[in-house]
Amino acid sequence: MITPAEYIQLKAFARQDGALLALLWVAIFLLYIIGVSNQMLGLAAVLLLFYLPFFVGERLKKFRDYAREGLISFRRGYVYTILVFFYGGILFAVAQYLYFAFMDNGFMLSQFSKMVMSEEGKALLQQYGMQQMVDESLQEMASIRPIDYALNMLTINICLGFILGLPISLIMQRSTVKGKK
């Protein structure tokens, strides 16, 4: 059973680590945006995206070892991981909204349009018979509001916390301190 003081401690650590996760998401997002025109930075964004569960696992390990004296149950670790993704998701959604509302000015849409309108893009789309679908998708993207992008990513990131929280918490749970029985 978790006491009120332990719950406050869990939320405090989760908020701090959520802020760090949000910074990582912002870095990935910026690399992705720049990576639309620079493939190496796009690859860096993908690699950092695969690093996310390891990052959260490392943060859970620090919480376990520092605040919980090396012990943490699966349930407490799972709640902690979900809260980290929740707090990080909220901060990232705010950052993403600010980007799309005030900084993007159609940049992403124009970059996608350039890709599909290039000779290689047109040939690939015609080969797979996807030209009409891509044109409709670009029109749909043009009509989406910045808040819609942000809320969509918030939902995805919170769901990601529920999914990735399971293996992360299973791996990081510990009922005995190493070296003691």
N, C-alpha and C. Protein backbone atom coordinates (compact mmCIF):
# COMPACT_ATOMS: atom_id res chain seq x y z
N MET A 1 0.84 -1.18 0.00
CA MET A 1 0.00 0.00 0.00
C MET A 1 0.88 1.24 0.00
N ILE A 2 0.49 2.23 -0.76
CA ILE A 2 1.26 3.45 -0.87
C ILE A 2 0.69 4.51 0.08
N THR A 3 1.58 5.14 0.82
CA THR A 3 1.14 6.19 1.74
C THR A 3 1.01 7.51 0.99
N PRO A 4 0.29 8.48 1.56
CA PRO A 4 0.18 9.78 0.89
C PRO A 4 1.55 10.45 0.65
N ALA A 5 2.45 10.31 1.60
CA ALA A 5 3.79 10.90 1.43
C ALA A 5 4.54 10.23 0.29
N GLU A 6 4.41 8.91 0.18
CA GLU A 6 5.08 8.20 -0.91
C GLU A 6 4.49 8.58 -2.26
N TYR A 7 3.17 8.79 -2.30
CA TYR A 7 2.52 9.19 -3.55
C TYR A 7 2.97 10.58 -3.97
N ILE A 8 3.11 11.49 -3.02
CA ILE A 8 3.61 12.83 -3.32
C ILE A 8 5.03 12.75 -3.87
N GLN A 9 5.85 11.89 -3.23
CA GLN A 9 7.22 11.71 -3.70
C GLN A 9 7.24 11.13 -5.11
N LEU A 10 6.41 10.13 -5.37
CA LEU A 10 6.34 9.51 -6.69
C LEU A 10 5.95 10.54 -7.74
N LYS A 11 4.95 11.34 -7.47
CA LYS A 11 4.51 12.36 -8.43
C LYS A 11 5.59 13.41 -8.65
N ALA A 12 6.30 13.80 -7.59
CA ALA A 12 7.35 14.82 -7.73
C ALA A 12 8.47 14.32 -8.65
N PHE A 13 8.91 13.10 -8.43
CA PHE A 13 9.95 12.53 -9.29
C PHE A 13 9.43 12.35 -10.71
N ALA A 14 8.19 11.92 -10.85
CA ALA A 14 7.61 11.71 -12.18
C ALA A 14 7.49 13.04 -12.92
N ARG A 15 7.17 14.11 -12.24
CA ARG A 15 7.10 15.43 -12.90
C ARG A 15 8.47 15.86 -13.40
N GLN A 16 9.49 15.67 -12.57
CA GLN A 16 10.85 16.05 -12.99
C GLN A 16 11.29 15.22 -14.18
N ASP A 17 11.07 13.92 -14.11
CA ASP A 17 11.49 13.05 -15.21
C ASP A 17 10.60 13.25 -16.43
N GLY A 18 9.34 13.64 -16.23
CA GLY A 18 8.46 13.99 -17.35
C GLY A 18 8.98 15.21 -18.08
N ALA A 19 9.51 16.18 -17.33
CA ALA A 19 10.09 17.37 -17.96
C ALA A 19 11.31 16.98 -18.80
N LEU A 20 12.13 16.07 -18.28
CA LEU A 20 13.29 15.60 -19.05
C LEU A 20 12.85 14.84 -20.29
N LEU A 21 11.81 14.03 -20.15
CA LEU A 21 11.27 13.30 -21.30
C LEU A 21 10.74 14.27 -22.35
N ALA A 22 10.07 15.33 -21.89
CA ALA A 22 9.56 16.34 -22.83
C ALA A 22 10.71 17.00 -23.59
N LEU A 23 11.81 17.27 -22.90
CA LEU A 23 12.98 17.85 -23.58
C LEU A 23 13.52 16.89 -24.64
N LEU A 24 13.53 15.60 -24.32
CA LEU A 24 13.97 14.61 -25.30
C LEU A 24 13.02 14.58 -26.48
N TRP A 25 11.72 14.62 -26.23
CA TRP A 25 10.74 14.64 -27.32
C TRP A 25 10.89 15.89 -28.18
N VAL A 26 11.15 17.03 -27.55
CA VAL A 26 11.35 18.26 -28.31
C VAL A 26 12.58 18.14 -29.20
N ALA A 27 13.65 17.56 -28.65
CA ALA A 27 14.86 17.36 -29.46
C ALA A 27 14.58 16.43 -30.64
N ILE A 28 13.84 15.36 -30.41
CA ILE A 28 13.48 14.44 -31.49
C ILE A 28 12.63 15.16 -32.53
N PHE A 29 11.68 15.95 -32.07
CA PHE A 29 10.79 16.69 -32.97
C PHE A 29 11.58 17.68 -33.82
N LEU A 30 12.51 18.41 -33.20
CA LEU A 30 13.33 19.36 -33.96
C LEU A 30 14.22 18.64 -34.97
N LEU A 31 14.80 17.53 -34.55
CA LEU A 31 15.62 16.76 -35.50
C LEU A 31 14.77 16.22 -36.64
N TYR A 32 13.54 15.84 -36.34
CA TYR A 32 12.63 15.36 -37.38
C TYR A 32 12.31 16.48 -38.37
N ILE A 33 12.02 17.66 -37.86
CA ILE A 33 11.69 18.80 -38.72
C ILE A 33 12.87 19.14 -39.62
N ILE A 34 14.04 19.23 -39.04
CA ILE A 34 15.23 19.53 -39.83
C ILE A 34 15.56 18.35 -40.72
N GLY A 35 15.27 17.13 -40.23
CA GLY A 35 15.57 15.91 -40.97
C GLY A 35 14.75 15.73 -42.22
N VAL A 36 13.68 16.50 -42.38
CA VAL A 36 12.90 16.44 -43.62
C VAL A 36 13.78 16.84 -44.79
N SER A 37 14.72 17.77 -44.55
CA SER A 37 15.61 18.19 -45.62
C SER A 37 17.05 17.71 -45.42
N ASN A 38 17.34 17.05 -44.30
CA ASN A 38 18.68 16.54 -44.02
C ASN A 38 18.53 15.12 -43.47
N GLN A 39 18.85 14.13 -44.28
CA GLN A 39 18.59 12.74 -43.91
C GLN A 39 19.35 12.28 -42.68
N MET A 40 20.53 12.79 -42.45
CA MET A 40 21.31 12.36 -41.27
C MET A 40 20.61 12.80 -39.98
N LEU A 41 20.07 13.99 -39.97
CA LEU A 41 19.35 14.44 -38.78
C LEU A 41 18.03 13.70 -38.62
N GLY A 42 17.41 13.34 -39.73
CA GLY A 42 16.21 12.51 -39.67
C GLY A 42 16.51 11.15 -39.06
N LEU A 43 17.65 10.58 -39.44
CA LEU A 43 18.08 9.31 -38.86
C LEU A 43 18.37 9.46 -37.37
N ALA A 44 18.97 10.57 -36.99
CA ALA A 44 19.23 10.83 -35.57
C ALA A 44 17.91 10.90 -34.79
N ALA A 45 16.88 11.49 -35.39
CA ALA A 45 15.57 11.55 -34.74
C ALA A 45 15.01 10.16 -34.52
N VAL A 46 15.14 9.29 -35.51
CA VAL A 46 14.63 7.92 -35.39
C VAL A 46 15.40 7.16 -34.32
N LEU A 47 16.72 7.32 -34.29
CA LEU A 47 17.52 6.63 -33.28
C LEU A 47 17.17 7.10 -31.87
N LEU A 48 16.98 8.40 -31.71
CA LEU A 48 16.57 8.92 -30.40
C LEU A 48 15.18 8.42 -30.02
N LEU A 49 14.33 8.25 -30.99
CA LEU A 49 12.99 7.73 -30.72
C LEU A 49 13.08 6.30 -30.17
N PHE A 50 13.98 5.49 -30.70
CA PHE A 50 14.17 4.14 -30.18
C PHE A 50 14.85 4.14 -28.81
N TYR A 51 15.52 5.23 -28.47
CA TYR A 51 16.17 5.36 -27.17
C TYR A 51 15.18 5.68 -26.05
N LEU A 52 14.00 6.19 -26.40
CA LEU A 52 13.01 6.63 -25.41
C LEU A 52 12.74 5.62 -24.30
N PRO A 53 12.40 4.36 -24.58
CA PRO A 53 12.11 3.45 -23.47
C PRO A 53 13.32 3.22 -22.56
N PHE A 54 14.51 3.25 -23.13
CA PHE A 54 15.72 3.08 -22.32
C PHE A 54 15.93 4.30 -21.42
N PHE A 55 15.62 5.48 -21.96
CA PHE A 55 15.73 6.70 -21.18
C PHE A 55 14.77 6.65 -19.98
N VAL A 56 13.52 6.29 -20.23
CA VAL A 56 12.54 6.22 -19.15
C VAL A 56 12.92 5.11 -18.16
N GLY A 57 13.42 3.99 -18.66
CA GLY A 57 13.88 2.93 -17.78
C GLY A 57 15.02 3.38 -16.89
N GLU A 58 15.93 4.15 -17.45
CA GLU A 58 17.05 4.68 -16.66
C GLU A 58 16.54 5.65 -15.58
N ARG A 59 15.56 6.46 -15.94
CA ARG A 59 14.97 7.40 -14.96
C ARG A 59 14.25 6.63 -13.84
N LEU A 60 13.55 5.55 -14.21
CA LEU A 60 12.89 4.72 -13.20
C LEU A 60 13.92 4.07 -12.29
N LYS A 61 15.02 3.64 -12.87
CA LYS A 61 16.09 3.02 -12.07
C LYS A 61 16.65 4.04 -11.08
N LYS A 62 16.84 5.28 -11.52
CA LYS A 62 17.34 6.32 -10.61
C LYS A 62 16.34 6.58 -9.49
N PHE A 63 15.05 6.62 -9.83
CA PHE A 63 14.02 6.80 -8.81
C PHE A 63 14.04 5.63 -7.83
N ARG A 64 14.12 4.43 -8.38
CA ARG A 64 14.15 3.23 -7.52
C ARG A 64 15.34 3.25 -6.58
N ASP A 65 16.52 3.54 -7.11
CA ASP A 65 17.74 3.46 -6.31
C ASP A 65 17.90 4.65 -5.37
N TYR A 66 17.47 5.83 -5.78
CA TYR A 66 17.66 7.02 -4.96
C TYR A 66 16.53 7.22 -3.96
N ALA A 67 15.30 7.22 -4.44
CA ALA A 67 14.17 7.55 -3.57
C ALA A 67 13.58 6.32 -2.88
N ARG A 68 13.69 5.15 -3.50
CA ARG A 68 13.06 3.94 -2.96
C ARG A 68 14.09 2.99 -2.35
N GLU A 69 15.32 3.44 -2.18
CA GLU A 69 16.39 2.66 -1.55
C GLU A 69 16.60 1.31 -2.23
N GLY A 70 16.46 1.30 -3.57
CA GLY A 70 16.75 0.09 -4.34
C GLY A 70 15.59 -0.87 -4.51
N LEU A 71 14.44 -0.55 -3.94
CA LEU A 71 13.28 -1.45 -4.03
C LEU A 71 12.12 -0.74 -4.72
N ILE A 72 11.45 -1.45 -5.62
CA ILE A 72 10.24 -0.92 -6.23
C ILE A 72 9.41 -2.08 -6.78
N SER A 73 8.13 -2.02 -6.51
CA SER A 73 7.23 -3.06 -7.02
C SER A 73 6.89 -2.77 -8.47
N PHE A 74 6.36 -3.78 -9.15
CA PHE A 74 5.93 -3.59 -10.53
C PHE A 74 4.86 -2.50 -10.59
N ARG A 75 3.89 -2.57 -9.70
CA ARG A 75 2.77 -1.62 -9.73
C ARG A 75 3.24 -0.18 -9.54
N ARG A 76 4.11 0.03 -8.58
CA ARG A 76 4.62 1.39 -8.34
C ARG A 76 5.46 1.86 -9.52
N GLY A 77 6.26 0.98 -10.09
CA GLY A 77 7.05 1.34 -11.26
C GLY A 77 6.17 1.65 -12.46
N TYR A 78 5.09 0.91 -12.60
CA TYR A 78 4.16 1.12 -13.71
C TYR A 78 3.46 2.47 -13.56
N VAL A 79 2.99 2.78 -12.37
CA VAL A 79 2.34 4.07 -12.13
C VAL A 79 3.33 5.20 -12.39
N TYR A 80 4.55 5.03 -11.91
CA TYR A 80 5.59 6.04 -12.11
C TYR A 80 5.83 6.28 -13.61
N THR A 81 5.96 5.19 -14.37
CA THR A 81 6.22 5.30 -15.81
C THR A 81 5.06 5.98 -16.53
N ILE A 82 3.84 5.62 -16.19
CA ILE A 82 2.67 6.25 -16.81
C ILE A 82 2.66 7.74 -16.50
N LEU A 83 2.96 8.11 -15.25
CA LEU A 83 2.98 9.53 -14.89
C LEU A 83 4.09 10.28 -15.61
N VAL A 84 5.24 9.65 -15.79
CA VAL A 84 6.34 10.30 -16.53
C VAL A 84 5.89 10.59 -17.96
N PHE A 85 5.27 9.62 -18.61
CA PHE A 85 4.78 9.85 -19.97
C PHE A 85 3.65 10.88 -19.99
N PHE A 86 2.81 10.89 -18.98
CA PHE A 86 1.72 11.86 -18.92
C PHE A 86 2.26 13.28 -18.78
N TYR A 87 3.12 13.51 -17.79
CA TYR A 87 3.67 14.85 -17.59
C TYR A 87 4.53 15.29 -18.78
N GLY A 88 5.35 14.37 -19.28
CA GLY A 88 6.16 14.70 -20.45
C GLY A 88 5.30 14.98 -21.67
N GLY A 89 4.23 14.21 -21.82
CA GLY A 89 3.32 14.39 -22.95
C GLY A 89 2.64 15.75 -22.93
N ILE A 90 2.24 16.19 -21.74
CA ILE A 90 1.60 17.51 -21.63
C ILE A 90 2.58 18.61 -22.03
N LEU A 91 3.79 18.56 -21.50
CA LEU A 91 4.77 19.59 -21.84
C LEU A 91 5.12 19.56 -23.32
N PHE A 92 5.27 18.36 -23.87
CA PHE A 92 5.59 18.25 -25.29
C PHE A 92 4.43 18.75 -26.15
N ALA A 93 3.20 18.48 -25.75
CA ALA A 93 2.04 18.96 -26.50
C ALA A 93 2.01 20.48 -26.52
N VAL A 94 2.37 21.12 -25.42
CA VAL A 94 2.43 22.58 -25.38
C VAL A 94 3.51 23.08 -26.34
N ALA A 95 4.68 22.46 -26.30
CA ALA A 95 5.77 22.86 -27.20
C ALA A 95 5.37 22.66 -28.66
N GLN A 96 4.72 21.55 -28.94
CA GLN A 96 4.32 21.27 -30.31
C GLN A 96 3.24 22.26 -30.78
N TYR A 97 2.31 22.58 -29.90
CA TYR A 97 1.29 23.57 -30.25
C TYR A 97 1.94 24.91 -30.57
N LEU A 98 2.87 25.34 -29.72
CA LEU A 98 3.55 26.62 -29.96
C LEU A 98 4.30 26.62 -31.29
N TYR A 99 4.91 25.48 -31.62
CA TYR A 99 5.62 25.39 -32.90
C TYR A 99 4.65 25.54 -34.06
N PHE A 100 3.60 24.74 -34.08
CA PHE A 100 2.68 24.76 -35.22
C PHE A 100 1.87 26.05 -35.28
N ALA A 101 1.57 26.66 -34.13
CA ALA A 101 0.76 27.87 -34.12
C ALA A 101 1.57 29.11 -34.51
N PHE A 102 2.84 29.16 -34.10
CA PHE A 102 3.58 30.41 -34.26
C PHE A 102 4.87 30.32 -35.08
N MET A 103 5.40 29.13 -35.31
CA MET A 103 6.71 29.05 -35.96
C MET A 103 6.69 28.33 -37.30
N ASP A 104 5.81 27.36 -37.47
CA ASP A 104 5.86 26.51 -38.66
C ASP A 104 5.51 27.27 -39.94
N ASN A 105 4.43 28.03 -39.92
CA ASN A 105 3.98 28.80 -41.08
C ASN A 105 3.91 27.97 -42.36
N GLY A 106 3.49 26.71 -42.24
CA GLY A 106 3.34 25.85 -43.41
C GLY A 106 4.61 25.15 -43.87
N PHE A 107 5.68 25.25 -43.09
CA PHE A 107 6.96 24.65 -43.49
C PHE A 107 6.85 23.14 -43.68
N MET A 108 6.28 22.45 -42.70
CA MET A 108 6.19 20.99 -42.79
C MET A 108 5.36 20.57 -44.00
N LEU A 109 4.24 21.22 -44.20
CA LEU A 109 3.38 20.89 -45.33
C LEU A 109 4.10 21.13 -46.66
N SER A 110 4.83 22.23 -46.75
CA SER A 110 5.55 22.52 -47.99
C SER A 110 6.68 21.51 -48.22
N GLN A 111 7.32 21.05 -47.14
CA GLN A 111 8.38 20.04 -47.29
C GLN A 111 7.81 18.71 -47.77
N PHE A 112 6.66 18.32 -47.21
CA PHE A 112 6.03 17.08 -47.68
C PHE A 112 5.59 17.22 -49.13
N SER A 113 5.06 18.39 -49.48
CA SER A 113 4.63 18.63 -50.86
C SER A 113 5.82 18.54 -51.81
N LYS A 114 6.95 19.12 -51.43
CA LYS A 114 8.15 19.05 -52.26
C LYS A 114 8.58 17.60 -52.48
N MET A 115 8.49 16.78 -51.40
CA MET A 115 8.90 15.38 -51.53
C MET A 115 8.01 14.63 -52.52
N VAL A 116 6.70 14.82 -52.43
CA VAL A 116 5.81 14.04 -53.30
C VAL A 116 5.72 14.63 -54.70
N MET A 117 6.11 15.89 -54.88
CA MET A 117 6.07 16.51 -56.19
C MET A 117 7.39 16.38 -56.95
N SER A 118 8.42 15.85 -56.28
CA SER A 118 9.69 15.63 -56.98
C SER A 118 9.50 14.52 -58.01
N GLU A 119 10.42 14.44 -58.94
CA GLU A 119 10.34 13.41 -59.98
C GLU A 119 10.31 12.01 -59.37
N GLU A 120 11.19 11.78 -58.38
CA GLU A 120 11.25 10.46 -57.74
C GLU A 120 9.95 10.18 -56.99
N GLY A 121 9.45 11.18 -56.29
CA GLY A 121 8.21 11.01 -55.53
C GLY A 121 7.02 10.72 -56.42
N LYS A 122 6.91 11.46 -57.52
CA LYS A 122 5.80 11.22 -58.46
C LYS A 122 5.87 9.82 -59.05
N ALA A 123 7.08 9.41 -59.44
CA ALA A 123 7.24 8.08 -60.04
C ALA A 123 6.87 6.99 -59.04
N LEU A 124 7.29 7.14 -57.79
CA LEU A 124 6.98 6.15 -56.77
C LEU A 124 5.49 6.09 -56.49
N LEU A 125 4.86 7.24 -56.39
CA LEU A 125 3.42 7.28 -56.12
C LEU A 125 2.62 6.69 -57.28
N GLN A 126 3.04 6.96 -58.50
CA GLN A 126 2.34 6.39 -59.66
C GLN A 126 2.53 4.89 -59.73
N GLN A 127 3.72 4.43 -59.38
CA GLN A 127 4.01 3.00 -59.42
C GLN A 127 3.11 2.25 -58.45
N TYR A 128 2.85 2.82 -57.29
CA TYR A 128 2.01 2.16 -56.30
C TYR A 128 0.55 2.63 -56.35
N GLY A 129 0.23 3.52 -57.27
CA GLY A 129 -1.14 3.99 -57.41
C GLY A 129 -1.65 4.76 -56.21
N MET A 130 -0.79 5.59 -55.64
CA MET A 130 -1.14 6.29 -54.41
C MET A 130 -1.25 7.80 -54.58
N GLN A 131 -1.19 8.31 -55.77
CA GLN A 131 -1.18 9.75 -55.99
C GLN A 131 -2.42 10.42 -55.39
N GLN A 132 -3.59 9.87 -55.67
CA GLN A 132 -4.83 10.48 -55.17
C GLN A 132 -4.87 10.47 -53.64
N MET A 133 -4.46 9.38 -53.04
CA MET A 133 -4.45 9.28 -51.59
C MET A 133 -3.51 10.32 -50.97
N VAL A 134 -2.34 10.50 -51.56
CA VAL A 134 -1.37 11.47 -51.05
C VAL A 134 -1.90 12.89 -51.22
N ASP A 135 -2.53 13.17 -52.35
CA ASP A 135 -3.11 14.50 -52.56
C ASP A 135 -4.19 14.80 -51.52
N GLU A 136 -5.03 13.81 -51.23
CA GLU A 136 -6.06 13.99 -50.21
C GLU A 136 -5.45 14.16 -48.83
N SER A 137 -4.40 13.43 -48.56
CA SER A 137 -3.72 13.54 -47.27
C SER A 137 -3.10 14.92 -47.08
N LEU A 138 -2.50 15.46 -48.13
CA LEU A 138 -1.92 16.80 -48.04
C LEU A 138 -3.01 17.85 -47.81
N GLN A 139 -4.15 17.69 -48.47
CA GLN A 139 -5.26 18.61 -48.24
C GLN A 139 -5.76 18.51 -46.81
N GLU A 140 -5.83 17.31 -46.30
CA GLU A 140 -6.27 17.10 -44.91
C GLU A 140 -5.28 17.73 -43.94
N MET A 141 -3.98 17.54 -44.18
CA MET A 141 -2.96 18.13 -43.31
C MET A 141 -3.06 19.65 -43.30
N ALA A 142 -3.39 20.24 -44.44
CA ALA A 142 -3.49 21.70 -44.51
C ALA A 142 -4.66 22.23 -43.68
N SER A 143 -5.66 21.40 -43.45
CA SER A 143 -6.83 21.86 -42.71
C SER A 143 -6.75 21.58 -41.21
N ILE A 144 -5.76 20.85 -40.76
CA ILE A 144 -5.65 20.51 -39.34
C ILE A 144 -5.09 21.70 -38.57
N ARG A 145 -5.72 21.98 -37.45
CA ARG A 145 -5.30 23.10 -36.59
C ARG A 145 -4.12 22.69 -35.72
N PRO A 146 -3.32 23.64 -35.27
CA PRO A 146 -2.18 23.31 -34.38
C PRO A 146 -2.59 22.57 -33.12
N ILE A 147 -3.72 22.94 -32.54
CA ILE A 147 -4.17 22.26 -31.32
C ILE A 147 -4.49 20.80 -31.60
N ASP A 148 -4.96 20.51 -32.81
CA ASP A 148 -5.26 19.12 -33.17
C ASP A 148 -3.99 18.27 -33.24
N TYR A 149 -2.92 18.83 -33.81
CA TYR A 149 -1.64 18.13 -33.83
C TYR A 149 -1.18 17.84 -32.40
N ALA A 150 -1.24 18.86 -31.56
CA ALA A 150 -0.76 18.73 -30.18
C ALA A 150 -1.58 17.71 -29.40
N LEU A 151 -2.90 17.76 -29.52
CA LEU A 151 -3.74 16.81 -28.78
C LEU A 151 -3.57 15.39 -29.30
N ASN A 152 -3.36 15.25 -30.60
CA ASN A 152 -3.12 13.92 -31.17
C ASN A 152 -1.82 13.33 -30.60
N MET A 153 -0.77 14.12 -30.55
CA MET A 153 0.50 13.63 -30.01
C MET A 153 0.40 13.37 -28.51
N LEU A 154 -0.37 14.19 -27.80
CA LEU A 154 -0.57 13.96 -26.37
C LEU A 154 -1.23 12.60 -26.15
N THR A 155 -2.25 12.31 -26.91
CA THR A 155 -2.94 11.03 -26.80
C THR A 155 -2.00 9.87 -27.11
N ILE A 156 -1.24 10.01 -28.18
CA ILE A 156 -0.30 8.95 -28.56
C ILE A 156 0.75 8.75 -27.46
N ASN A 157 1.28 9.83 -26.91
CA ASN A 157 2.32 9.71 -25.90
C ASN A 157 1.81 9.11 -24.60
N ILE A 158 0.59 9.44 -24.21
CA ILE A 158 0.02 8.84 -23.00
C ILE A 158 -0.22 7.35 -23.23
N CYS A 159 -0.75 6.99 -24.38
CA CYS A 159 -0.95 5.56 -24.70
C CYS A 159 0.39 4.83 -24.74
N LEU A 160 1.41 5.50 -25.25
CA LEU A 160 2.75 4.92 -25.27
C LEU A 160 3.23 4.62 -23.86
N GLY A 161 2.89 5.49 -22.91
CA GLY A 161 3.26 5.26 -21.51
C GLY A 161 2.61 4.00 -20.95
N PHE A 162 1.33 3.79 -21.27
CA PHE A 162 0.64 2.59 -20.81
C PHE A 162 1.26 1.33 -21.41
N ILE A 163 1.65 1.41 -22.67
CA ILE A 163 2.21 0.24 -23.36
C ILE A 163 3.65 -0.02 -22.94
N LEU A 164 4.50 1.01 -23.04
CA LEU A 164 5.92 0.83 -22.70
C LEU A 164 6.14 0.68 -21.20
N GLY A 165 5.18 1.14 -20.41
CA GLY A 165 5.31 1.01 -18.96
C GLY A 165 5.36 -0.43 -18.50
N LEU A 166 4.69 -1.31 -19.23
CA LEU A 166 4.68 -2.72 -18.84
C LEU A 166 6.07 -3.35 -18.87
N PRO A 167 6.77 -3.34 -20.02
CA PRO A 167 8.11 -3.97 -20.01
C PRO A 167 9.12 -3.19 -19.17
N ILE A 168 9.02 -1.87 -19.17
CA ILE A 168 9.97 -1.08 -18.38
C ILE A 168 9.82 -1.42 -16.90
N SER A 169 8.59 -1.46 -16.41
CA SER A 169 8.35 -1.75 -14.99
C SER A 169 8.70 -3.18 -14.63
N LEU A 170 8.44 -4.10 -15.55
CA LEU A 170 8.82 -5.49 -15.29
C LEU A 170 10.32 -5.64 -15.14
N ILE A 171 11.06 -4.97 -16.00
CA ILE A 171 12.52 -5.07 -15.96
C ILE A 171 13.10 -4.37 -14.74
N MET A 172 12.53 -3.24 -14.36
CA MET A 172 13.11 -2.43 -13.28
C MET A 172 12.59 -2.77 -11.89
N GLN A 173 11.59 -3.63 -11.77
CA GLN A 173 11.09 -3.96 -10.44
C GLN A 173 12.15 -4.70 -9.65
N ARG A 174 12.14 -4.49 -8.36
CA ARG A 174 13.10 -5.17 -7.50
C ARG A 174 12.49 -5.30 -6.11
N SER A 175 12.49 -6.53 -5.59
CA SER A 175 11.91 -6.75 -4.26
C SER A 175 12.99 -6.95 -3.20
N THR A 176 14.23 -7.15 -3.61
CA THR A 176 15.35 -7.24 -2.67
C THR A 176 16.48 -6.37 -3.18
N VAL A 177 17.22 -5.80 -2.25
CA VAL A 177 18.37 -4.98 -2.61
C VAL A 177 19.51 -5.90 -2.99
N LYS A 178 20.23 -5.56 -4.08
CA LYS A 178 21.35 -6.38 -4.51
C LYS A 178 22.38 -6.49 -3.38
N GLY A 179 22.86 -7.67 -3.17
CA GLY A 179 23.85 -7.90 -2.12
C GLY A 179 23.22 -8.26 -0.77
N LYS A 180 21.90 -8.04 -0.63
CA LYS A 180 21.19 -8.37 0.61
C LYS A 180 20.09 -9.36 0.28
N LYS A 181 19.72 -10.15 1.25
CA LYS A 181 18.61 -11.10 1.06
C LYS A 181 17.58 -10.93 2.11
